[in-house]
Amino acid sequence: MSQLDDIKEEARAIQDGLKRLGANRVVALSVHVQKEVVADLEERAAKLVSALDSME
């Protein structure tokens, strides 16, 4: 997989995670699950920023 594909995959994963936390979600998440989703999104965002920085 190319670096661009990895970046796109991370961006899509962040988008999906945000949808799980958004106002239009189907099911309310427990606080525990919300914390897990936020932690995952933080990791993915850091990975995405790192990948973008390495492209410069």
N, C-alpha and C. Protein backbone atom coordinates (compact mmCIF):
# COMPACT_ATOMS: atom_id res chain seq x y z
N MET A 1 0.84 -1.17 0.00
CA MET A 1 0.00 0.00 0.00
C MET A 1 0.89 1.24 0.00
N SER A 2 0.53 2.22 -0.77
CA SER A 2 1.33 3.44 -0.84
C SER A 2 1.03 4.32 0.37
N GLN A 3 1.89 5.28 0.58
CA GLN A 3 1.71 6.20 1.71
C GLN A 3 0.42 7.00 1.55
N LEU A 4 0.09 7.37 0.33
CA LEU A 4 -1.15 8.11 0.09
C LEU A 4 -2.36 7.25 0.44
N ASP A 5 -2.32 5.97 0.11
CA ASP A 5 -3.41 5.06 0.47
C ASP A 5 -3.54 4.95 1.99
N ASP A 6 -2.41 4.89 2.69
CA ASP A 6 -2.43 4.83 4.15
C ASP A 6 -3.07 6.08 4.74
N ILE A 7 -2.72 7.23 4.17
CA ILE A 7 -3.27 8.50 4.64
C ILE A 7 -4.78 8.54 4.42
N LYS A 8 -5.21 8.12 3.25
CA LYS A 8 -6.65 8.10 2.95
C LYS A 8 -7.39 7.16 3.90
N GLU A 9 -6.79 6.00 4.20
CA GLU A 9 -7.41 5.03 5.09
C GLU A 9 -7.56 5.62 6.50
N GLU A 10 -6.53 6.31 6.98
CA GLU A 10 -6.60 6.93 8.31
C GLU A 10 -7.66 8.03 8.33
N ALA A 11 -7.73 8.83 7.29
CA ALA A 11 -8.72 9.90 7.23
C ALA A 11 -10.14 9.33 7.23
N ARG A 12 -10.35 8.25 6.50
CA ARG A 12 -11.67 7.60 6.48
C ARG A 12 -12.01 7.02 7.85
N ALA A 13 -11.03 6.43 8.52
CA ALA A 13 -11.26 5.87 9.85
C ALA A 13 -11.63 6.97 10.84
N ILE A 14 -10.98 8.12 10.73
CA ILE A 14 -11.31 9.25 11.61
C ILE A 14 -12.72 9.74 11.30
N GLN A 15 -13.06 9.81 10.03
CA GLN A 15 -14.40 10.23 9.64
C GLN A 15 -15.46 9.28 10.21
N ASP A 16 -15.21 7.98 10.11
CA ASP A 16 -16.15 7.00 10.63
C ASP A 16 -16.28 7.11 12.15
N GLY A 17 -15.16 7.32 12.83
CA GLY A 17 -15.20 7.47 14.28
C GLY A 17 -15.98 8.70 14.70
N LEU A 18 -15.80 9.79 13.97
CA LEU A 18 -16.55 11.00 14.28
C LEU A 18 -18.05 10.81 14.06
N LYS A 19 -18.40 10.03 13.04
CA LYS A 19 -19.82 9.73 12.81
C LYS A 19 -20.40 8.97 13.99
N ARG A 20 -19.59 8.07 14.58
CA ARG A 20 -20.06 7.31 15.74
C ARG A 20 -20.33 8.20 16.94
N LEU A 21 -19.65 9.34 17.01
CA LEU A 21 -19.81 10.27 18.12
C LEU A 21 -20.77 11.40 17.81
N GLY A 22 -21.14 11.57 16.56
CA GLY A 22 -21.93 12.72 16.11
C GLY A 22 -23.39 12.68 16.54
N ALA A 23 -24.04 13.79 16.30
CA ALA A 23 -25.44 13.96 16.69
C ALA A 23 -26.39 13.05 15.92
N ASN A 24 -26.01 12.61 14.74
CA ASN A 24 -26.89 11.79 13.90
C ASN A 24 -26.71 10.30 14.12
N ARG A 25 -26.00 9.90 15.18
CA ARG A 25 -25.78 8.48 15.43
C ARG A 25 -27.09 7.79 15.76
N VAL A 26 -27.14 6.50 15.49
CA VAL A 26 -28.36 5.72 15.71
C VAL A 26 -28.49 5.32 17.17
N VAL A 27 -27.38 4.94 17.78
CA VAL A 27 -27.40 4.43 19.15
C VAL A 27 -26.50 5.29 20.03
N ALA A 28 -26.96 5.58 21.24
CA ALA A 28 -26.12 6.31 22.19
C ALA A 28 -25.03 5.39 22.69
N LEU A 29 -23.81 5.89 22.77
CA LEU A 29 -22.69 5.10 23.24
C LEU A 29 -22.48 5.32 24.73
N SER A 30 -22.04 4.27 25.41
CA SER A 30 -21.72 4.43 26.83
C SER A 30 -20.48 5.31 26.95
N VAL A 31 -20.26 5.84 28.14
CA VAL A 31 -19.10 6.70 28.38
C VAL A 31 -17.83 5.92 28.12
N HIS A 32 -17.80 4.66 28.52
CA HIS A 32 -16.63 3.82 28.31
C HIS A 32 -16.31 3.68 26.82
N VAL A 33 -17.31 3.40 26.02
CA VAL A 33 -17.12 3.24 24.58
C VAL A 33 -16.72 4.58 23.95
N GLN A 34 -17.33 5.67 24.41
CA GLN A 34 -16.97 6.99 23.89
C GLN A 34 -15.49 7.28 24.14
N LYS A 35 -15.01 6.95 25.33
CA LYS A 35 -13.61 7.18 25.65
C LYS A 35 -12.70 6.34 24.76
N GLU A 36 -13.10 5.11 24.46
CA GLU A 36 -12.32 4.25 23.57
C GLU A 36 -12.26 4.83 22.16
N VAL A 37 -13.40 5.32 21.67
CA VAL A 37 -13.47 5.89 20.33
C VAL A 37 -12.60 7.14 20.25
N VAL A 38 -12.67 8.00 21.27
CA VAL A 38 -11.87 9.21 21.29
C VAL A 38 -10.38 8.88 21.33
N ALA A 39 -9.99 7.89 22.14
CA ALA A 39 -8.58 7.49 22.22
C ALA A 39 -8.11 6.96 20.86
N ASP A 40 -8.95 6.18 20.21
CA ASP A 40 -8.60 5.66 18.88
C ASP A 40 -8.45 6.79 17.87
N LEU A 41 -9.36 7.75 17.92
CA LEU A 41 -9.30 8.88 17.00
C LEU A 41 -8.05 9.73 17.24
N GLU A 42 -7.67 9.90 18.50
CA GLU A 42 -6.45 10.65 18.82
C GLU A 42 -5.22 9.96 18.23
N GLU A 43 -5.16 8.64 18.37
CA GLU A 43 -4.04 7.87 17.81
C GLU A 43 -4.00 8.00 16.28
N ARG A 44 -5.16 7.84 15.67
CA ARG A 44 -5.22 7.90 14.22
C ARG A 44 -4.87 9.30 13.70
N ALA A 45 -5.33 10.35 14.40
CA ALA A 45 -5.00 11.71 13.99
C ALA A 45 -3.50 11.96 14.10
N ALA A 46 -2.88 11.48 15.16
CA ALA A 46 -1.43 11.64 15.32
C ALA A 46 -0.69 10.90 14.21
N LYS A 47 -1.16 9.71 13.86
CA LYS A 47 -0.55 8.93 12.79
C LYS A 47 -0.70 9.66 11.45
N LEU A 48 -1.86 10.25 11.24
CA LEU A 48 -2.12 10.98 10.00
C LEU A 48 -1.22 12.21 9.89
N VAL A 49 -1.10 12.96 10.97
CA VAL A 49 -0.25 14.14 10.97
C VAL A 49 1.21 13.74 10.71
N SER A 50 1.64 12.67 11.33
CA SER A 50 3.00 12.19 11.15
C SER A 50 3.25 11.81 9.68
N ALA A 51 2.29 11.11 9.09
CA ALA A 51 2.42 10.71 7.69
C ALA A 51 2.46 11.93 6.77
N LEU A 52 1.64 12.91 7.06
CA LEU A 52 1.62 14.13 6.24
C LEU A 52 2.92 14.91 6.41
N ASP A 53 3.44 14.97 7.63
CA ASP A 53 4.71 15.65 7.87
C ASP A 53 5.86 15.00 7.11
N SER A 54 5.82 13.69 7.01
CA SER A 54 6.90 12.97 6.33
C SER A 54 6.86 13.16 4.82
N MET A 55 5.76 13.65 4.29
CA MET A 55 5.63 13.87 2.85
C MET A 55 6.28 15.19 2.42
N GLU A 56 6.57 16.06 3.36
CA GLU A 56 7.13 17.37 3.01
C GLU A 56 8.54 17.28 2.52
